[in-house]
Amino acid sequence: MTDAVTWLAAPRSLAFGGYFVVLARGLSPDALAHRLAESVRYGDGHVVEEAGRHTGASLLELMDDEYGDPADGLGLRLGRTGEWAYAIGYGGWQGEFEVSAGISRGGAEVCLLEYEEENGKPVPPRFASFRDGRLLGACDLHLDPSWGYRGVEGEPGTAGRLEEAFAAAGLPDPDRPRGEVHRVALGVVGEFFGLSLPRRAVLGEALPAVLLEPA
């Protein structure tokens, strides 16, 4: 694929803090944004407010003007690539979303890619795939036993085949640098699930953006 997801493994690939990317097949970008608003953990619910078209930098500037600090708000840039709608998180997204199987209700397929790059623990990147209200596969993309990796969780058929794909790529391998493992693991899940995220559009173009505001 020309626009895979391995480029997310580069340091600060999207913005300071890591990345929060959700891709969905069977949902429009707008419907995906509303489902993500429903998945915000804290408060009494959130609503979607359109914010115009923005690059990542201009959305962060808007959020700085709106909240005093982008980390005090939640924003999404939205787009579509092929069959996949996508949403990219900005602001204080770390730990704010509970993306679970219900986000894929009604026959949708949803994949989560998340990495809190600046977390000092450090928390490994993670991946999860859901379809029609079911978890297909989820794993730590460092494939690191010290963070609880015990293979791929999910439906046995899908999880087993994904583990085979990791093994074919030489993973897990505790002797490889974590950055390399991250990149290779993203390549595996990207190819396995047919994922693509258009780097040029995401980094250089103004995309539809929304803010997730408390209801």
Protein backbone atom coordinates (compact mmCIF):
# COMPACT_ATOMS: atom_id res chain seq x y z
CA MET A 1 0.00 0.00 0.00
CA THR A 2 1.33 3.46 -0.82
CA ASP A 3 -0.30 5.07 2.22
CA ALA A 4 0.16 2.53 4.98
CA VAL A 5 0.34 3.32 8.70
CA THR A 6 4.02 2.60 9.44
CA TRP A 7 4.90 6.30 9.23
CA LEU A 8 3.11 6.78 12.55
CA ALA A 9 6.08 5.11 14.26
CA ALA A 10 8.33 8.11 13.55
CA PRO A 11 8.94 10.34 16.60
CA ARG A 12 6.18 12.98 16.91
CA SER A 13 4.74 11.74 13.63
CA LEU A 14 1.52 13.75 14.04
CA ALA A 15 2.15 16.15 16.91
CA PHE A 16 3.80 16.37 20.30
CA GLY A 17 2.41 13.70 22.60
CA GLY A 18 1.98 10.75 20.26
CA TYR A 19 -0.99 9.75 18.13
CA PHE A 20 -4.65 8.85 18.46
CA VAL A 21 -6.05 7.54 15.17
CA VAL A 22 -9.34 5.75 14.61
CA LEU A 23 -10.26 4.28 11.22
CA ALA A 24 -13.74 3.02 10.38
CA ARG A 25 -15.26 1.12 7.50
CA GLY A 26 -19.05 1.37 7.20
CA LEU A 27 -19.22 4.80 8.88
CA SER A 28 -18.92 8.32 7.50
CA PRO A 29 -16.30 10.61 9.05
CA ASP A 30 -19.12 12.58 10.70
CA ALA A 31 -20.70 9.43 12.18
CA LEU A 32 -17.29 8.33 13.45
CA ALA A 33 -16.83 11.71 15.18
CA HIS A 34 -20.19 11.36 16.93
CA ARG A 35 -19.35 7.85 18.12
CA LEU A 36 -16.02 9.07 19.45
CA ALA A 37 -17.84 11.87 21.29
CA GLU A 38 -19.95 9.17 22.95
CA SER A 39 -16.78 7.33 24.00
CA VAL A 40 -15.26 10.21 26.02
CA ARG A 41 -14.75 8.77 29.51
CA TYR A 42 -15.38 11.76 31.73
CA GLY A 43 -18.21 14.24 32.18
CA ASP A 44 -21.90 13.94 31.40
CA GLY A 45 -21.50 13.43 27.68
CA HIS A 46 -19.94 15.34 24.79
CA VAL A 47 -21.29 16.81 21.59
CA VAL A 48 -19.65 17.47 18.23
CA GLU A 49 -19.17 21.10 17.16
CA GLU A 50 -17.91 21.82 13.65
CA ALA A 51 -14.74 23.91 13.57
CA GLY A 52 -14.12 24.41 9.84
CA ARG A 53 -11.15 23.04 7.92
CA HIS A 54 -7.78 22.89 9.63
CA THR A 55 -4.28 21.58 9.45
CA GLY A 56 -2.99 20.02 12.63
CA ALA A 57 -1.16 23.23 13.53
CA SER A 58 -4.13 25.51 12.90
CA LEU A 59 -6.48 23.29 14.89
CA LEU A 60 -4.09 23.43 17.85
CA GLU A 61 -3.97 27.23 17.49
CA LEU A 62 -7.77 27.35 17.53
CA MET A 63 -7.86 25.16 20.62
CA ASP A 64 -5.25 27.35 22.30
CA ASP A 65 -7.47 30.40 21.68
CA GLU A 66 -10.60 28.51 22.78
CA TYR A 67 -9.31 26.87 25.97
CA GLY A 68 -6.11 28.69 26.90
CA ASP A 69 -4.21 25.44 26.38
CA PRO A 70 -4.92 22.83 23.66
CA ALA A 71 -4.50 20.10 26.28
CA ASP A 72 -7.68 21.35 27.97
CA GLY A 73 -9.83 20.43 24.96
CA LEU A 74 -10.53 17.59 22.56
CA GLY A 75 -10.40 18.04 18.80
CA LEU A 76 -10.58 15.75 15.78
CA ARG A 77 -9.54 16.15 12.16
CA LEU A 78 -11.58 13.96 9.84
CA GLY A 79 -11.10 12.42 6.43
CA ARG A 80 -11.55 9.44 4.18
CA THR A 81 -9.15 7.20 2.33
CA GLY A 82 -10.65 4.50 0.15
CA GLU A 83 -13.23 2.56 2.17
CA TRP A 84 -11.93 3.95 5.48
CA ALA A 85 -13.07 7.06 7.30
CA TYR A 86 -10.54 8.34 9.80
CA ALA A 87 -10.39 10.62 12.82
CA ILE A 88 -7.19 12.02 14.34
CA GLY A 89 -7.14 13.30 17.91
CA TYR A 90 -5.69 16.64 19.04
CA GLY A 91 -5.43 18.32 22.40
CA GLY A 92 -5.69 16.40 25.66
CA TRP A 93 -6.84 13.09 24.17
CA GLN A 94 -4.54 10.93 26.32
CA GLY A 95 -6.67 8.71 28.53
CA GLU A 96 -9.89 10.52 27.58
CA PHE A 97 -11.46 7.94 25.23
CA GLU A 98 -12.86 4.50 26.01
CA VAL A 99 -12.89 3.04 22.51
CA SER A 100 -14.55 -0.35 22.95
CA ALA A 101 -16.47 -2.86 20.84
CA GLY A 102 -19.68 -0.84 20.95
CA ILE A 103 -18.20 1.79 18.66
CA SER A 104 -18.54 -0.73 15.81
CA ARG A 105 -22.23 -1.46 16.39
CA GLY A 106 -24.48 -1.84 13.38
CA GLY A 107 -22.02 -3.72 11.19
CA ALA A 108 -19.14 -1.21 11.17
CA GLU A 109 -15.47 -2.13 11.38
CA VAL A 110 -13.31 0.14 13.55
CA CYS A 111 -9.57 0.10 14.24
CA LEU A 112 -7.78 2.06 16.95
CA LEU A 113 -4.12 3.07 16.85
CA GLU A 114 -2.93 4.91 19.95
CA TYR A 115 0.43 5.88 21.41
CA GLU A 116 1.10 8.16 24.38
CA GLU A 117 4.63 8.94 23.23
CA GLU A 118 5.44 11.46 25.96
CA ASN A 119 4.14 9.32 28.83
CA GLY A 120 7.11 8.81 31.14
CA LYS A 121 6.27 5.23 32.16
CA PRO A 122 6.57 4.62 29.06
CA VAL A 123 3.23 3.24 27.86
CA PRO A 124 3.55 1.12 24.70
CA PRO A 125 1.54 1.84 21.55
CA ARG A 126 -1.60 -0.23 21.22
CA PHE A 127 -3.91 -1.51 18.53
CA ALA A 128 -7.47 -2.81 18.62
CA SER A 129 -9.90 -3.90 15.92
CA PHE A 130 -13.67 -4.24 16.34
CA ARG A 131 -16.44 -5.38 14.02
CA ASP A 132 -20.18 -5.24 14.59
CA GLY A 133 -19.88 -4.96 18.36
CA ARG A 134 -17.14 -7.60 18.75
CA LEU A 135 -13.44 -7.40 19.52
CA LEU A 136 -11.50 -9.03 16.67
CA GLY A 137 -7.96 -8.44 17.90
CA ALA A 138 -6.05 -6.21 20.30
CA CYS A 139 -2.42 -6.04 21.33
CA ASP A 140 0.49 -3.97 22.63
CA LEU A 141 2.56 -2.95 19.59
CA HIS A 142 5.83 -3.24 21.48
CA LEU A 143 4.84 -6.88 22.08
CA ASP A 144 6.46 -6.44 25.47
CA PRO A 145 5.72 -8.98 28.26
CA SER A 146 6.57 -6.38 30.91
CA TRP A 147 3.41 -4.51 29.84
CA GLY A 148 1.18 -7.56 29.98
CA TYR A 149 1.57 -8.81 26.42
CA ARG A 150 0.35 -12.38 26.31
CA GLY A 151 -0.36 -12.64 22.62
CA VAL A 152 -3.28 -11.08 20.77
CA GLU A 153 -6.63 -10.85 22.54
CA GLY A 154 -9.87 -11.23 20.62
CA GLU A 155 -11.71 -13.76 18.50
CA PRO A 156 -9.55 -16.89 18.33
CA GLY A 157 -9.49 -17.13 14.54
CA THR A 158 -8.51 -13.52 13.90
CA ALA A 159 -6.20 -13.28 16.93
CA GLY A 160 -4.41 -16.50 15.98
CA ARG A 161 -3.84 -15.42 12.39
CA LEU A 162 -2.57 -12.01 13.54
CA GLU A 163 -0.09 -13.72 15.90
CA GLU A 164 1.09 -15.81 12.94
CA ALA A 165 1.59 -12.62 10.93
CA PHE A 166 3.68 -11.12 13.75
CA ALA A 167 5.74 -14.30 13.93
CA ALA A 168 6.34 -14.21 10.17
CA ALA A 169 7.74 -10.69 10.64
CA GLY A 170 10.07 -11.94 13.39
CA LEU A 171 8.01 -10.63 16.33
CA PRO A 172 8.09 -10.62 19.26
CA ASP A 173 11.83 -10.04 19.48
CA PRO A 174 13.06 -8.53 22.77
CA ASP A 175 16.48 -7.81 21.24
CA ARG A 176 15.20 -5.43 18.55
CA PRO A 177 14.95 -1.71 19.34
CA ARG A 178 11.45 -0.72 20.39
CA GLY A 179 11.19 1.89 17.66
CA GLU A 180 11.84 -0.76 15.03
CA VAL A 181 9.40 -3.19 16.65
CA HIS A 182 6.77 -0.41 16.67
CA ARG A 183 7.27 0.27 12.94
CA VAL A 184 7.24 -3.41 11.96
CA ALA A 185 4.19 -4.14 14.12
CA LEU A 186 2.30 -1.24 12.52
CA GLY A 187 3.18 -2.70 9.15
CA VAL A 188 1.81 -6.09 10.18
CA VAL A 189 -1.54 -4.80 11.46
CA GLY A 190 -1.81 -2.40 8.52
CA GLU A 191 -1.40 -5.16 5.98
CA PHE A 192 -3.51 -7.66 7.94
CA PHE A 193 -6.53 -5.34 8.24
CA GLY A 194 -5.98 -3.37 5.04
CA LEU A 195 -5.36 -0.06 6.81
CA SER A 196 -4.11 3.10 5.18
CA LEU A 197 -3.62 6.66 6.42
CA PRO A 198 -2.62 9.27 3.82
CA ARG A 199 0.46 10.94 5.25
CA ARG A 200 0.55 13.85 2.78
CA ALA A 201 -3.07 14.82 3.39
CA VAL A 202 -2.86 14.37 7.15
CA LEU A 203 0.33 16.40 7.55
CA GLY A 204 -0.12 19.03 4.86
CA GLU A 205 -3.77 19.62 4.04
CA ALA A 206 -6.64 21.37 5.78
CA LEU A 207 -9.21 18.73 6.72
CA PRO A 208 -12.69 19.03 8.28
CA ALA A 209 -12.28 19.49 12.02
CA VAL A 210 -14.54 19.31 15.05
CA LEU A 211 -14.33 20.05 18.75
CA LEU A 212 -15.82 17.68 21.31
CA GLU A 213 -17.53 19.85 23.86
CA PRO A 214 -19.20 18.86 27.16
CA ALA A 215 -22.95 18.51 26.61
